[in-house]
N, C-alpha and C. Protein backbone atom coordinates (compact mmCIF):
# COMPACT_ATOMS: atom_id res chain seq x y z
N MET A 1 1.09 -1.32 0.16
CA MET A 1 0.00 -0.27 0.13
C MET A 1 1.04 1.34 -0.02
N SER A 2 0.45 2.49 -0.54
CA SER A 2 1.42 3.33 -0.79
C SER A 2 1.17 3.76 0.60
N ASN A 3 2.25 4.93 0.66
CA ASN A 3 1.99 6.09 1.93
C ASN A 3 1.37 6.95 1.71
N ALA A 4 0.76 7.25 0.97
CA ALA A 4 -0.40 8.42 0.48
C ALA A 4 -1.81 7.30 0.90
N GLN A 5 -2.17 6.66 0.41
CA GLN A 5 -3.24 5.44 0.88
C GLN A 5 -3.40 5.50 2.26
N ASN A 6 -2.44 4.98 3.04
CA ASN A 6 -2.34 4.85 4.22
C ASN A 6 -2.62 5.75 4.88
N THR A 7 -2.08 7.12 4.30
CA THR A 7 -2.24 8.27 5.43
C THR A 7 -3.98 8.57 5.36
N THR A 8 -4.65 8.32 4.27
CA THR A 8 -5.86 8.51 3.94
C THR A 8 -6.84 7.61 4.86
N GLN A 9 -6.34 6.13 5.09
CA GLN A 9 -7.32 5.55 5.47
C GLN A 9 -7.10 5.35 6.92
N ARG A 10 -5.82 6.53 8.04
CA ARG A 10 -6.05 5.99 9.25
C ARG A 10 -6.68 7.65 9.73
N GLU A 11 -7.04 7.41 11.04
CA GLU A 11 -7.48 8.02 11.63
C GLU A 11 -6.72 9.31 11.84
N ALA A 12 -6.65 10.39 11.79
CA ALA A 12 -5.96 11.69 12.43
C ALA A 12 -6.13 12.12 13.57
N VAL A 13 -5.25 12.70 14.27
CA VAL A 13 -5.18 13.24 15.50
C VAL A 13 -4.54 14.67 15.71
N LEU A 14 -4.86 15.64 16.01
CA LEU A 14 -4.39 17.04 16.03
C LEU A 14 -3.69 17.09 17.59
N LEU A 15 -2.59 17.40 17.87
CA LEU A 15 -2.04 18.01 19.28
C LEU A 15 -2.22 19.28 18.99
N ILE A 16 -2.64 20.22 19.93
CA ILE A 16 -2.04 21.83 19.71
C ILE A 16 -1.48 22.16 20.91
N THR A 17 -0.25 22.33 21.02
CA THR A 17 0.28 23.01 22.28
C THR A 17 1.66 23.60 21.55
N ARG A 18 2.42 24.39 22.45
CA ARG A 18 4.29 25.25 22.29
C ARG A 18 5.02 23.98 22.73
N ILE A 19 4.58 23.04 23.35
CA ILE A 19 5.61 21.97 23.80
C ILE A 19 6.54 21.69 22.91
N GLU A 20 7.58 22.04 22.92
CA GLU A 20 8.67 21.70 22.18
C GLU A 20 9.38 20.41 22.00
N GLU A 21 9.37 19.55 23.07
CA GLU A 21 9.42 18.07 22.68
C GLU A 21 8.44 17.32 22.37
N ILE A 22 7.36 17.79 21.98
CA ILE A 22 5.97 16.78 21.74
C ILE A 22 6.35 16.37 20.37
N GLU A 23 7.03 16.32 19.74
CA GLU A 23 7.33 15.33 18.10
C GLU A 23 7.57 14.15 18.93
N THR A 24 8.59 13.95 19.76
CA THR A 24 8.81 12.75 20.16
C THR A 24 7.57 11.90 20.41
N ALA A 25 6.75 12.53 21.10
CA ALA A 25 5.60 11.85 22.16
C ALA A 25 4.51 11.55 21.13
N ALA A 26 4.43 12.54 19.46
CA ALA A 26 3.54 12.60 18.83
C ALA A 26 4.00 11.06 17.92
N ALA A 27 5.22 10.86 17.71
CA ALA A 27 5.91 10.05 16.93
C ALA A 27 4.94 8.39 17.60
N ALA A 28 5.49 8.79 18.67
CA ALA A 28 5.24 7.32 19.67
C ALA A 28 4.19 7.05 19.59
N LEU A 29 2.93 8.18 19.53
CA LEU A 29 1.56 8.15 19.49
C LEU A 29 0.95 7.41 18.16
N ALA A 30 1.50 8.29 17.45
CA ALA A 30 1.43 7.63 15.86
C ALA A 30 1.67 6.48 15.72
N LYS A 31 2.92 5.58 16.09
CA LYS A 31 3.34 4.36 15.61
C LYS A 31 2.28 3.49 17.01
N HIS A 32 2.18 4.00 17.99
CA HIS A 32 1.26 2.42 18.95
C HIS A 32 0.29 2.76 18.16
N LEU A 33 -0.44 4.02 18.07
CA LEU A 33 -1.78 3.62 17.88
C LEU A 33 -2.04 3.41 16.45
N ASP A 34 -1.12 3.76 15.48
CA ASP A 34 -1.40 3.56 14.00
C ASP A 34 -2.15 5.22 13.54
N LEU A 35 -1.93 6.05 13.98
CA LEU A 35 -2.68 7.17 13.88
C LEU A 35 -1.71 8.02 13.09
N LEU A 36 -2.40 9.14 12.07
CA LEU A 36 -1.95 9.92 11.73
C LEU A 36 -2.18 11.26 12.71
N VAL A 37 -0.91 11.82 13.33
CA VAL A 37 -0.49 12.63 14.18
C VAL A 37 -0.41 14.13 13.33
N GLU A 38 -0.86 15.14 13.56
CA GLU A 38 -0.28 16.44 13.11
C GLU A 38 -0.22 17.26 14.39
N LEU A 39 0.39 18.20 14.17
CA LEU A 39 0.88 19.43 15.21
C LEU A 39 0.63 20.74 15.03
N ALA A 40 -0.04 21.26 16.00
CA ALA A 40 -0.16 23.38 15.60
C ALA A 40 0.20 23.45 17.25
N GLY A 41 1.50 24.77 16.66
CA GLY A 41 1.77 25.38 17.68
C GLY A 41 1.10 26.78 18.28
N SER A 42 -0.05 27.07 17.49
CA SER A 42 -0.53 28.29 17.69
C SER A 42 -1.80 27.98 17.57
N ARG A 43 -2.75 29.11 18.12
CA ARG A 43 -4.21 28.82 17.38
C ARG A 43 -4.57 29.08 15.81
N ALA A 44 -3.58 30.05 15.50
CA ALA A 44 -4.09 30.41 14.03
C ALA A 44 -3.48 28.79 13.16
N ALA A 45 -2.57 28.40 13.53
CA ALA A 45 -2.22 27.07 13.31
C ALA A 45 -3.15 25.55 13.18
N ALA A 46 -3.88 25.61 14.22
CA ALA A 46 -4.95 24.54 14.72
C ALA A 46 -6.04 25.40 13.91
N LEU A 47 -6.59 26.55 13.70
CA LEU A 47 -7.54 26.62 12.74
C LEU A 47 -7.27 26.24 11.06
N ARG A 48 -6.08 26.68 10.81
CA ARG A 48 -5.85 26.11 9.36
C ARG A 48 -6.02 24.71 9.10
N LEU A 49 -5.34 24.21 10.37
CA LEU A 49 -5.15 22.27 10.17
C LEU A 49 -6.97 21.79 10.13
N LEU A 50 -7.58 22.58 11.16
CA LEU A 50 -8.79 22.36 11.58
C LEU A 50 -9.85 22.16 10.25
N GLY A 51 -9.78 23.41 9.04
CA GLY A 51 -10.14 23.85 8.36
C GLY A 51 -9.98 22.97 6.82
N ARG A 52 -8.66 22.22 6.84
CA ARG A 52 -8.29 21.60 6.00
C ARG A 52 -8.80 19.84 5.79
N ARG A 53 -9.09 19.34 7.14
CA ARG A 53 -9.53 18.05 7.34
C ARG A 53 -9.97 17.75 8.82
N THR A 54 -10.69 16.73 8.61
CA THR A 54 -11.53 16.43 10.11
C THR A 54 -10.36 15.35 10.88
N TYR A 55 -10.62 15.50 12.05
CA TYR A 55 -9.72 14.88 12.80
C TYR A 55 -11.16 13.91 13.91
N ALA A 56 -10.17 12.72 14.36
CA ALA A 56 -10.87 12.01 14.94
C ALA A 56 -10.95 12.67 16.67
N VAL A 57 -9.55 13.01 17.35
CA VAL A 57 -9.65 13.28 18.34
C VAL A 57 -8.55 14.99 17.99
N VAL A 58 -9.04 16.05 18.78
CA VAL A 58 -8.37 17.50 18.82
C VAL A 58 -8.16 17.57 20.14
N ILE A 59 -6.72 17.55 20.43
CA ILE A 59 -6.15 17.65 21.60
C ILE A 59 -5.57 18.88 21.87
N LEU A 60 -6.27 19.78 22.96
CA LEU A 60 -5.84 21.13 23.28
C LEU A 60 -4.68 21.14 24.33
N ASP A 61 -3.67 21.94 24.44
CA ASP A 61 -2.63 22.23 25.87
C ASP A 61 -3.57 22.69 26.37
N GLN A 62 -3.54 22.54 28.26
CA GLN A 62 -4.50 22.79 28.82
C GLN A 62 -3.67 24.38 29.40
N MET A 63 -2.78 24.34 29.42
CA MET A 63 -1.64 25.61 28.87
C MET A 63 -2.32 26.87 27.94
N LEU A 64 -2.36 26.47 27.07
CA LEU A 64 -2.56 27.34 26.52
C LEU A 64 -4.01 27.75 26.28
N ALA A 65 -5.21 26.84 26.40
CA ALA A 65 -6.55 26.75 26.59
C ALA A 65 -6.55 27.76 27.95
N ASP A 66 -5.98 27.81 29.13
CA ASP A 66 -5.78 28.62 30.08
C ASP A 66 -5.41 30.18 29.88
N CYS A 67 -4.26 30.10 28.82
CA CYS A 67 -3.92 31.50 28.54
C CYS A 67 -4.75 31.88 27.14
N ASP A 68 -5.55 31.73 26.58
CA ASP A 68 -6.31 32.41 25.49
C ASP A 68 -7.69 31.37 25.46
N PRO A 69 -8.62 31.40 26.73
CA PRO A 69 -9.95 30.79 26.57
C PRO A 69 -10.63 31.29 25.44
N GLU A 70 -10.43 32.19 24.38
CA GLU A 70 -11.35 32.80 23.54
C GLU A 70 -11.02 31.89 22.47
N GLY A 71 -9.57 31.78 21.99
CA GLY A 71 -8.82 30.73 21.65
C GLY A 71 -9.57 29.56 21.70
N ALA A 72 -9.23 29.12 22.78
CA ALA A 72 -9.88 27.44 22.98
C ALA A 72 -11.35 27.16 22.59
N ASP A 73 -12.30 28.47 22.69
CA ASP A 73 -13.59 28.34 22.05
C ASP A 73 -13.59 28.14 20.93
N LEU A 74 -12.72 28.98 20.34
CA LEU A 74 -13.03 28.86 18.63
C LEU A 74 -12.33 27.76 18.25
N ILE A 75 -10.96 27.28 18.66
CA ILE A 75 -10.97 26.17 18.39
C ILE A 75 -12.00 24.83 18.34
N TRP A 76 -12.73 24.63 19.83
CA TRP A 76 -13.17 23.81 19.93
C TRP A 76 -14.72 24.13 18.97
N GLN A 77 -14.97 25.20 18.65
CA GLN A 77 -15.87 25.51 17.59
C GLN A 77 -15.80 24.82 16.16
N SER A 78 -14.66 24.80 15.83
CA SER A 78 -14.10 24.89 14.71
C SER A 78 -13.51 22.97 14.78
N ALA A 79 -13.79 22.58 15.45
CA ALA A 79 -13.46 21.05 15.41
C ALA A 79 -14.23 19.87 15.03
N GLY A 80 -15.41 20.74 14.67
CA GLY A 80 -16.49 19.92 14.37
C GLY A 80 -16.94 18.35 14.98
N LEU A 81 -17.00 17.47 14.23
CA LEU A 81 -17.44 15.83 15.09
C LEU A 81 -16.14 15.67 15.73
N SER A 82 -15.18 16.26 16.03
CA SER A 82 -13.89 15.73 16.36
C SER A 82 -13.98 15.44 18.09
N VAL A 83 -13.67 14.33 18.91
CA VAL A 83 -13.62 14.63 19.91
C VAL A 83 -12.71 15.57 20.78
N PRO A 84 -13.20 16.39 21.72
CA PRO A 84 -12.37 17.31 22.46
C PRO A 84 -11.73 16.61 23.45
N VAL A 85 -10.37 17.18 23.67
CA VAL A 85 -9.62 17.03 25.00
C VAL A 85 -8.69 17.77 25.11
N GLN A 86 -8.79 18.42 26.17
CA GLN A 86 -8.03 19.16 26.82
C GLN A 86 -6.74 18.16 27.93
N PHE A 87 -5.60 18.58 27.70
CA PHE A 87 -4.46 17.78 28.20
C PHE A 87 -3.38 18.73 28.71
N SER A 88 -2.91 17.96 29.39
CA SER A 88 -1.66 19.26 30.08
C SER A 88 -0.73 18.41 30.04
N PHE A 89 0.38 19.09 28.83
CA PHE A 89 1.46 18.32 28.06
C PHE A 89 2.44 18.79 28.92
N ALA A 90 2.53 19.60 29.84
CA ALA A 90 3.62 20.09 30.45
C ALA A 90 3.63 18.83 31.91
N LEU A 91 2.47 18.24 32.30
CA LEU A 91 2.72 17.68 33.52
C LEU A 91 2.58 15.75 33.47
N ALA A 92 2.08 15.90 31.91
CA ALA A 92 1.78 14.41 31.34
C ALA A 92 2.81 13.56 30.86
N THR A 93 2.82 12.34 31.15
CA THR A 93 3.61 11.15 30.20
C THR A 93 3.35 10.85 29.10
N GLY A 94 4.04 10.52 28.05
CA GLY A 94 3.43 9.99 26.64
C GLY A 94 2.69 8.94 26.85
N SER A 95 2.40 8.05 27.83
CA SER A 95 1.75 6.94 27.98
C SER A 95 0.30 7.42 28.49
N ARG A 96 0.28 8.38 29.28
CA ARG A 96 -0.97 8.97 29.43
C ARG A 96 -1.71 9.79 28.51
N LEU A 97 -0.75 10.47 27.64
CA LEU A 97 -1.34 10.93 26.03
C LEU A 97 -1.91 9.70 25.53
N GLU A 98 -1.45 8.63 25.88
CA GLU A 98 -1.73 7.53 24.90
C GLU A 98 -3.56 6.60 25.14
N ARG A 99 -3.15 7.09 26.59
CA ARG A 99 -4.15 6.55 27.28
C ARG A 99 -5.64 7.56 27.00
N GLU A 100 -5.61 8.68 26.86
CA GLU A 100 -6.18 9.58 26.80
C GLU A 100 -7.03 9.33 25.55
N VAL A 101 -5.99 9.28 24.34
CA VAL A 101 -6.36 8.81 23.31
C VAL A 101 -7.20 7.94 22.88
N ARG A 102 -6.61 6.88 23.43
CA ARG A 102 -7.68 5.46 22.79
C ARG A 102 -9.22 6.03 24.05
N ALA A 103 -8.97 6.27 25.15
CA ALA A 103 -10.21 6.33 25.04
C ALA A 103 -10.97 7.75 24.73
N ALA A 104 -10.52 8.76 24.39
CA ALA A 104 -10.89 9.45 23.06
C ALA A 104 -12.01 8.68 21.84
N LEU A 105 -10.96 8.01 21.09
CA LEU A 105 -11.02 6.68 20.27
C LEU A 105 -12.25 6.20 20.58
N ALA A 106 -12.12 5.52 21.33
CA ALA A 106 -13.24 4.39 22.02
C ALA A 106 -14.69 5.24 22.14
N ARG A 107 -14.85 6.43 22.99
CA ARG A 107 -15.85 7.35 23.20
C ARG A 107 -16.74 7.61 21.44
N ARG A 108 -15.61 8.06 20.25
CA ARG A 108 -15.80 8.67 19.64
C ARG A 108 -16.96 7.48 18.49
N GLU A 109 -15.84 5.89 18.67
CA GLU A 109 -16.70 4.98 18.19
C GLU A 109 -18.03 4.81 18.50
N ARG A 110 -18.00 4.51 20.04
CA ARG A 110 -19.62 4.49 20.52
C ARG A 110 -20.23 5.37 20.51
N GLU A 111 -19.78 6.95 20.23
CA GLU A 111 -20.80 8.08 20.25
C GLU A 111 -21.70 7.53 18.63
N GLN A 112 -20.44 7.20 17.39
CA GLN A 112 -21.13 6.42 16.07
C GLN A 112 -21.69 5.53 16.04
N GLU A 113 -21.82 4.72 17.07
CA GLU A 113 -22.58 3.60 16.73
C GLU A 113 -24.06 3.96 17.43
N LEU A 114 -23.92 4.90 18.66
CA LEU A 114 -25.47 5.36 18.83
C LEU A 114 -26.55 5.93 17.94
N ALA A 115 -25.13 6.89 17.31
CA ALA A 115 -25.78 7.66 16.32
C ALA A 115 -26.62 6.76 14.84
N SER A 116 -25.45 5.97 14.83
CA SER A 116 -26.06 4.98 13.71
C SER A 116 -27.16 4.12 14.16
N SER A 117 -27.28 3.63 15.27
CA SER A 117 -28.51 2.84 15.53
C SER A 117 -29.84 3.85 15.63
N ALA A 118 -29.54 5.40 15.85
CA ALA A 118 -30.59 5.73 16.55
C ALA A 118 -31.26 6.24 15.41
N ALA A 119 -30.73 6.36 14.04
CA ALA A 119 -30.77 6.39 12.39
C ALA A 119 -31.47 5.09 11.76
N VAL A 120 -31.17 4.20 11.94
CA VAL A 120 -31.54 3.09 11.50
C VAL A 120 -33.15 2.87 12.07
N ALA A 121 -33.36 3.20 13.52
CA ALA A 121 -34.41 3.04 14.52
C ALA A 121 -35.04 3.89 14.04
N ARG A 122 -34.83 5.46 13.69
CA ARG A 122 -35.63 6.71 13.20
C ARG A 122 -36.43 5.96 11.57
N LEU A 123 -35.29 5.38 10.98
CA LEU A 123 -35.72 4.91 9.56
C LEU A 123 -36.97 3.82 9.63
N ASP A 124 -36.57 2.62 10.59
CA ASP A 124 -37.73 1.59 10.38
C ASP A 124 -38.70 2.39 10.96
N ALA A 125 -38.94 3.16 11.62
CA ALA A 125 -40.52 3.32 12.33
C ALA A 125 -40.70 4.69 11.21
N GLU A 126 -40.21 4.82 10.34
CA GLU A 126 -40.85 6.20 9.59
C GLU A 126 -41.13 5.01 8.54
N LEU A 127 -40.50 3.64 8.00
CA LEU A 127 -40.99 2.89 6.75
C LEU A 127 -42.39 1.96 7.24
N LYS A 128 -42.24 1.70 8.69
CA LYS A 128 -43.21 1.15 9.32
C LYS A 128 -44.62 1.65 9.00
N ASN A 129 -44.56 3.16 9.27
CA ASN A 129 -45.74 4.20 9.69
C ASN A 129 -46.46 4.22 8.03
N ALA A 130 -45.18 4.55 7.14
CA ALA A 130 -45.49 4.68 5.84
C ALA A 130 -46.43 3.21 5.51
N VAL A 131 -45.79 2.14 5.83
CA VAL A 131 -46.67 0.93 5.11
C VAL A 131 -47.80 1.10 5.85
N THR A 132 -47.39 1.14 7.44
CA THR A 132 -49.02 1.14 7.79
C THR A 132 -49.97 2.08 7.40
N GLY A 133 -49.61 3.16 6.88
CA GLY A 133 -50.46 4.16 6.01
C GLY A 133 -51.49 3.60 4.97
N PHE A 134 -50.26 2.79 3.68
CA PHE A 134 -50.98 2.57 2.90
C PHE A 134 -51.54 1.68 2.86
N LEU A 135 -51.46 0.48 3.72
CA LEU A 135 -51.91 -0.64 3.99
C LEU A 135 -53.44 -0.02 4.83
N LEU A 136 -53.53 0.92 5.91
CA LEU A 136 -54.74 1.36 6.13
C LEU A 136 -55.54 2.16 4.69
N GLU A 137 -55.43 2.76 3.96
CA GLU A 137 -55.81 3.77 3.22
C GLU A 137 -56.05 2.58 2.21
N SER A 138 -55.64 1.32 1.66
CA SER A 138 -56.07 1.00 0.51
C SER A 138 -57.29 -0.31 1.61
N GLU A 139 -56.98 -0.51 2.52
CA GLU A 139 -58.41 -1.24 3.19
C GLU A 139 -59.47 -0.44 3.45
N LEU A 140 -59.15 0.91 3.83
CA LEU A 140 -60.68 2.16 3.90
C LEU A 140 -61.24 1.98 2.07
N ALA A 141 -60.38 1.95 1.23
CA ALA A 141 -60.60 2.36 -0.48
C ALA A 141 -61.33 1.23 -0.86
N LEU A 142 -61.07 -0.20 -0.61
CA LEU A 142 -61.58 -0.98 -0.67
C LEU A 142 -63.14 -1.11 0.02
N ALA A 143 -63.57 -0.82 1.34
CA ALA A 143 -64.51 -0.82 1.87
C ALA A 143 -65.45 0.16 1.21
N GLU A 144 -64.92 0.82 0.60
CA GLU A 144 -66.10 1.85 0.16
C GLU A 144 -67.13 1.51 -0.77
N ASP A 145 -68.06 1.50 -0.91
CA ASP A 145 -69.22 1.17 -1.77
C ASP A 145 -68.83 1.68 -3.51
N GLY A 146 -69.37 1.33 -4.28
CA GLY A 146 -69.09 1.31 -5.51
C GLY A 146 -67.98 1.66 -6.16
N VAL A 147 -66.84 0.62 -5.88
CA VAL A 147 -65.56 0.97 -6.15
C VAL A 147 -65.22 0.28 -7.26
N PRO A 148 -65.09 0.43 -8.54
CA PRO A 148 -64.99 -0.52 -9.94
C PRO A 148 -64.15 -1.88 -9.77
N PRO A 149 -64.69 -2.93 -10.27
CA PRO A 149 -63.85 -4.05 -10.29
C PRO A 149 -62.17 -3.87 -10.49
N ARG A 150 -61.85 -3.18 -11.77
CA ARG A 150 -60.33 -2.79 -11.80
C ARG A 150 -59.71 -2.37 -11.06
N LEU A 151 -60.25 -1.26 -10.01
CA LEU A 151 -59.73 -0.33 -9.40
C LEU A 151 -59.73 -1.34 -7.95
N GLN A 152 -60.67 -2.32 -8.08
CA GLN A 152 -60.66 -2.87 -6.81
C GLN A 152 -58.91 -4.16 -6.63
N ALA A 153 -59.43 -4.80 -7.40
CA ALA A 153 -58.07 -5.64 -7.93
C ALA A 153 -56.68 -4.51 -7.74
N ARG A 154 -56.86 -3.90 -8.13
CA ARG A 154 -55.30 -2.80 -8.21
C ARG A 154 -55.04 -2.30 -6.59
N LEU A 155 -56.56 -1.92 -5.82
CA LEU A 155 -56.40 -1.85 -4.72
C LEU A 155 -56.03 -2.79 -3.19
N ARG A 156 -56.42 -4.10 -3.91
CA ARG A 156 -55.83 -5.46 -3.17
C ARG A 156 -54.73 -5.83 -3.17
N THR A 157 -54.00 -5.37 -4.86
CA THR A 157 -53.09 -5.83 -5.07
C THR A 157 -52.13 -4.91 -4.01
N LEU A 158 -52.21 -3.68 -4.01
CA LEU A 158 -51.72 -2.37 -2.84
C LEU A 158 -51.69 -3.33 -1.52
N ALA A 159 -52.61 -3.52 -1.13
CA ALA A 159 -52.73 -3.88 0.03
C ALA A 159 -51.82 -5.08 0.30
N GLU A 160 -52.12 -5.83 -0.42
CA GLU A 160 -51.15 -7.34 -0.45
C GLU A 160 -50.16 -6.89 -0.23
N ILE A 161 -48.94 -6.02 -0.92
CA ILE A 161 -47.67 -5.55 -1.13
C ILE A 161 -47.52 -4.95 0.39
N ALA A 162 -48.32 -3.92 0.74
CA ALA A 162 -48.43 -3.51 2.12
C ALA A 162 -47.96 -4.12 3.08
N ALA A 163 -49.03 -5.10 3.11
CA ALA A 163 -49.14 -6.22 4.30
C ALA A 163 -47.94 -7.09 4.36
N ARG A 164 -47.19 -7.83 2.70
CA ARG A 164 -46.37 -8.30 2.79
C ARG A 164 -44.88 -7.29 3.09
N LEU A 165 -44.81 -6.16 2.90
CA LEU A 165 -43.87 -5.47 3.52
C LEU A 165 -43.88 -5.30 5.04
N ARG A 166 -45.03 -5.10 5.48
CA ARG A 166 -45.26 -4.99 7.04
C ARG A 166 -45.12 -6.07 7.77
N GLN A 167 -45.02 -7.66 7.19
CA GLN A 167 -44.51 -8.47 7.60
C GLN A 167 -43.08 -8.89 7.61
N HIS A 168 -42.34 -7.90 6.41
CA HIS A 168 -40.77 -8.14 6.77
C HIS A 168 -40.45 -6.76 7.47
N LEU A 169 -41.10 -5.98 7.76
CA LEU A 169 -40.26 -4.72 8.55
C LEU A 169 -40.45 -5.50 10.22
N SER A 170 -41.71 -5.82 10.38
CA SER A 170 -42.56 -6.40 11.61
C SER A 170 -41.28 -7.33 12.06
N PRO A 171 -41.02 -7.55 13.57
CA PRO A 171 -40.06 -8.84 13.43
C PRO A 171 -41.95 -9.80 13.95
N ALA A 172 -41.39 -10.97 13.62
CA ALA A 172 -42.52 -12.24 13.74
C ALA A 172 -42.89 -12.29 15.10
N SER A 173 -44.15 -11.75 15.74
CA SER A 173 -44.87 -12.43 16.96
C SER A 173 -46.34 -12.82 17.21
N PRO A 174 -46.44 -14.04 17.70
CA PRO A 174 -47.38 -14.72 17.72
C PRO A 174 -49.03 -13.70 18.33
N THR A 175 -48.78 -12.60 18.39
CA THR A 175 -50.03 -11.75 18.98
C THR A 175 -49.96 -10.74 18.05
N ALA A 176 -49.31 -10.53 16.49
CA ALA A 176 -49.40 -9.93 15.74
C ALA A 176 -50.64 -9.64 14.83
N PRO A 177 -51.41 -8.70 14.80
CA PRO A 177 -52.62 -8.80 14.40
C PRO A 177 -52.83 -8.77 12.89
N MET A 178 -53.18 -9.63 12.32
CA MET A 178 -53.38 -10.19 11.21
C MET A 178 -54.01 -9.35 10.37
N VAL A 179 -53.76 -8.93 8.55
CA VAL A 179 -54.59 -7.97 8.00
C VAL A 179 -56.03 -8.75 7.14
N ALA A 180 -56.61 -8.45 7.48
CA ALA A 180 -57.93 -9.17 6.65
C ALA A 180 -58.83 -8.41 5.66
N LEU A 181 -58.30 -8.69 4.44
CA LEU A 181 -59.05 -8.09 3.17
C LEU A 181 -60.02 -8.27 3.06
N PRO A 182 -60.77 -7.59 2.64
CA PRO A 182 -62.05 -7.63 2.22
C PRO A 182 -62.11 -8.85 1.34
N PRO A 183 -63.74 -10.06 0.86
CA PRO A 183 -63.28 -10.69 -0.38
C PRO A 183 -63.61 -10.14 -1.30
N PRO A 184 -62.63 -10.75 -2.32
CA PRO A 184 -63.12 -9.80 -3.87
C PRO A 184 -64.83 -10.19 -4.23
N GLU A 185 -64.94 -8.97 -5.03
CA GLU A 185 -66.43 -8.88 -5.41
C GLU A 185 -66.33 -9.32 -6.84
N SER A 186 -67.02 -10.46 -7.38
CA SER A 186 -67.90 -10.83 -8.65
C SER A 186 -68.16 -9.88 -9.44
């Protein structure tokens, strides 16, 4: 795999700090967690990088956040869906940084799974409601007096399709109500 392909497939982390020895910790983090780690030494550099790509995790040095709270707020606003982490680079070790990044990545994965599950559940509910509406409306139309036989056949087909869709969308249950279509008129 080429280096360019490998870079685009790995998750990226942005470290925002002025600590000079950060390159060693960043390289170790990249190696141990198979991440693309980018460094920013200022608010302006961080905002430029945040405008260019999406990061899984954005880590802001506690010292920078304390010295420039407005800048920290601007960075967090620009971080988008990245997991924000404030971290004291001056007091912590590389292993602690690695644990924080692992925890942030795990949080991000859980949040994405929850969001995905919620979206699937919402779509499922919307589909079930739509199918139930089709079924109900076709059954009501079939129950009307004076519906021409050709239209009855089409409505019955619609009702049968909606009933099959409803069965596919709903889990099998012995107490689930069965749809009874009116008998065809001859």
